[in-house]
Structure formats: C-alpha cells, structure tokens
C-alpha cells in the first residue's frame, strides 16, 4: 500500500531539505504559491522564517489549513443568506 505521506526535496533559503507531507498539502501549497506568483521554495521559505516552533512539515500543514480556513469563512457567510432564502 502506498503511503499517504510524500517526501520531497526542496531548497529553502539556499539549503536543500526534505519535507514530508500528504499529497493534499502539497497540492494546497502549489495552489497558494501560484495565486501569490511565488515558487514553492519561496513560499516554504516564508513559512519557515515565520514559524514559532515545531518542525517545518507541521508549520506547512498549519499554514495551508489556516489559508483555506480563512478563505472558507467569507464563502460560508456569503452562502448563508442564500440558504436561508431557500428554506423560507
């Protein structure tokens, strides 16, 4: 059985390192970096420089979770009046 965690090498601040993440998080990182017109390495470098503690993989997971959670809140709020109208 294939592991859900994918280990990839990436250059962060000029140093090569490996990061183990689930494919969904790699896909989220690619989406975010594309929307920000950044390379994946630049985005990971930004996350690395801003993390308070923990390992890089955990910091990336939290960053991706926070990014999509923040985007979901306005979308849910916008959908709420529409859903209320259909229930009335």
C-alpha atoms as a PDB file:
ATOM      1  CA  UNK A   1       0.000   0.000   0.000  1.00  0.00           C
ATOM      2  CA  UNK A   2       1.303   3.441  -0.947  1.00  0.00           C
ATOM      3  CA  UNK A   3       1.992   5.807   1.938  1.00  0.00           C
ATOM      4  CA  UNK A   4      -0.264   8.868   2.008  1.00  0.00           C
ATOM      5  CA  UNK A   5       2.784  10.943   3.022  1.00  0.00           C
ATOM      6  CA  UNK A   6       5.046  12.114   0.200  1.00  0.00           C
ATOM      7  CA  UNK A   7       8.634  13.130   0.931  1.00  0.00           C
ATOM      8  CA  UNK A   8      10.082  15.773  -1.404  1.00  0.00           C
ATOM      9  CA  UNK A   9      13.320  17.718  -1.524  1.00  0.00           C
ATOM     10  CA  UNK A  10      13.073  21.484  -1.622  1.00  0.00           C
ATOM     11  CA  UNK A  11      15.539  24.363  -1.406  1.00  0.00           C
ATOM     12  CA  UNK A  12      14.764  26.737   1.458  1.00  0.00           C
ATOM     13  CA  UNK A  13      16.912  29.852   1.886  1.00  0.00           C
ATOM     14  CA  UNK A  14      19.633  28.271  -0.225  1.00  0.00           C
ATOM     15  CA  UNK A  15      19.693  24.986   1.690  1.00  0.00           C
ATOM     16  CA  UNK A  16      18.294  21.711   0.414  1.00  0.00           C
ATOM     17  CA  UNK A  17      15.967  19.971   2.825  1.00  0.00           C
ATOM     18  CA  UNK A  18      13.317  17.290   2.627  1.00  0.00           C
ATOM     19  CA  UNK A  19       9.710  17.753   3.698  1.00  0.00           C
ATOM     20  CA  UNK A  20       7.170  15.003   4.264  1.00  0.00           C
ATOM     21  CA  UNK A  21       3.553  15.987   3.617  1.00  0.00           C
ATOM     22  CA  UNK A  22       0.345  14.365   2.479  1.00  0.00           C
ATOM     23  CA  UNK A  23      -0.414  14.928  -1.209  1.00  0.00           C
ATOM     24  CA  UNK A  24      -3.348  17.208  -0.347  1.00  0.00           C
ATOM     25  CA  UNK A  25      -0.990  19.591   1.451  1.00  0.00           C
ATOM     26  CA  UNK A  26       1.466  19.580  -1.477  1.00  0.00           C
ATOM     27  CA  UNK A  27      -1.449  20.421  -3.781  1.00  0.00           C
ATOM     28  CA  UNK A  28      -2.581  23.194  -1.445  1.00  0.00           C
ATOM     29  CA  UNK A  29       0.946  24.627  -1.367  1.00  0.00           C
ATOM     30  CA  UNK A  30       1.130  24.602  -5.160  1.00  0.00           C
ATOM     31  CA  UNK A  31      -2.222  26.395  -5.395  1.00  0.00           C
ATOM     32  CA  UNK A  32      -1.232  29.037  -2.846  1.00  0.00           C
ATOM     33  CA  UNK A  33       2.182  29.664  -4.407  1.00  0.00           C
ATOM     34  CA  UNK A  34       0.574  30.016  -7.842  1.00  0.00           C
ATOM     35  CA  UNK A  35      -2.005  32.510  -6.572  1.00  0.00           C
ATOM     36  CA  UNK A  36       0.775  34.515  -4.941  1.00  0.00           C
ATOM     37  CA  UNK A  37       3.045  34.289  -8.001  1.00  0.00           C
ATOM     38  CA  UNK A  38       5.769  32.639  -5.933  1.00  0.00           C
ATOM     39  CA  UNK A  39       7.793  29.496  -6.331  1.00  0.00           C
ATOM     40  CA  UNK A  40       7.121  26.656  -3.928  1.00  0.00           C
ATOM     41  CA  UNK A  41      10.600  27.219  -2.460  1.00  0.00           C
ATOM     42  CA  UNK A  42       9.843  30.895  -1.824  1.00  0.00           C
ATOM     43  CA  UNK A  43       6.584  30.051  -0.079  1.00  0.00           C
ATOM     44  CA  UNK A  44       8.196  27.370   2.071  1.00  0.00           C
ATOM     45  CA  UNK A  45      10.991  29.826   2.916  1.00  0.00           C
ATOM     46  CA  UNK A  46       8.394  32.368   4.058  1.00  0.00           C
ATOM     47  CA  UNK A  47       6.633  29.760   6.205  1.00  0.00           C
ATOM     48  CA  UNK A  48       9.981  28.625   7.635  1.00  0.00           C
ATOM     49  CA  UNK A  49      11.040  32.147   8.578  1.00  0.00           C
ATOM     50  CA  UNK A  50       7.692  32.894  10.269  1.00  0.00           C
ATOM     51  CA  UNK A  51       7.237  29.696  12.251  1.00  0.00           C
ATOM     52  CA  UNK A  52       7.333  29.958  16.011  1.00  0.00           C
ATOM     53  CA  UNK A  53       8.090  26.346  16.882  1.00  0.00           C
ATOM     54  CA  UNK A  54       7.716  22.792  15.691  1.00  0.00           C
ATOM     55  CA  UNK A  55       9.075  21.181  12.588  1.00  0.00           C
ATOM     56  CA  UNK A  56       8.752  22.518   9.075  1.00  0.00           C
ATOM     57  CA  UNK A  57       6.219  19.911   7.949  1.00  0.00           C
ATOM     58  CA  UNK A  58       3.896  20.831  10.817  1.00  0.00           C
ATOM     59  CA  UNK A  59       4.330  24.545  10.108  1.00  0.00           C
ATOM     60  CA  UNK A  60       3.389  23.968   6.459  1.00  0.00           C
ATOM     61  CA  UNK A  61       0.296  21.957   7.402  1.00  0.00           C
ATOM     62  CA  UNK A  62      -0.859  24.699   9.784  1.00  0.00           C
ATOM     63  CA  UNK A  63      -0.205  27.389   7.170  1.00  0.00           C
ATOM     64  CA  UNK A  64      -2.227  25.564   4.496  1.00  0.00           C
ATOM     65  CA  UNK A  65      -5.047  24.813   6.943  1.00  0.00           C
ATOM     66  CA  UNK A  66      -5.194  28.446   8.060  1.00  0.00           C
ATOM     67  CA  UNK A  67      -5.079  29.719   4.466  1.00  0.00           C
ATOM     68  CA  UNK A  68      -8.038  27.637   3.305  1.00  0.00           C
ATOM     69  CA  UNK A  69      -9.981  28.072   6.560  1.00  0.00           C
ATOM     70  CA  UNK A  70      -9.668  31.851   6.216  1.00  0.00           C
ATOM     71  CA  UNK A  71     -10.970  31.665   2.644  1.00  0.00           C
ATOM     72  CA  UNK A  72     -13.849  29.375   3.650  1.00  0.00           C
ATOM     73  CA  UNK A  73     -15.281  31.705   6.313  1.00  0.00           C
ATOM     74  CA  UNK A  74     -16.275  34.526   3.886  1.00  0.00           C
ATOM     75  CA  UNK A  75     -17.607  31.955   1.420  1.00  0.00           C
ATOM     76  CA  UNK A  76     -19.757  30.349   4.125  1.00  0.00           C
ATOM     77  CA  UNK A  77     -21.022  33.751   5.277  1.00  0.00           C
ATOM     78  CA  UNK A  78     -21.957  34.708   1.715  1.00  0.00           C
ATOM     79  CA  UNK A  79     -23.784  31.401   1.233  1.00  0.00           C
ATOM     80  CA  UNK A  80     -25.772  31.704   4.489  1.00  0.00           C
ATOM     81  CA  UNK A  81     -28.293  34.316   3.249  1.00  0.00           C
ATOM     82  CA  UNK A  82     -28.820  32.300   0.069  1.00  0.00           C
ATOM     83  CA  UNK A  83     -29.507  29.121   2.055  1.00  0.00           C
ATOM     84  CA  UNK A  84     -31.913  30.987   4.359  1.00  0.00           C
ATOM     85  CA  UNK A  85     -33.859  32.281   1.364  1.00  0.00           C
ATOM     86  CA  UNK A  86     -34.358  28.770   0.005  1.00  0.00           C
ATOM     87  CA  UNK A  87     -35.614  27.498   3.371  1.00  0.00           C
ATOM     88  CA  UNK A  88     -38.180  30.274   3.785  1.00  0.00           C
END
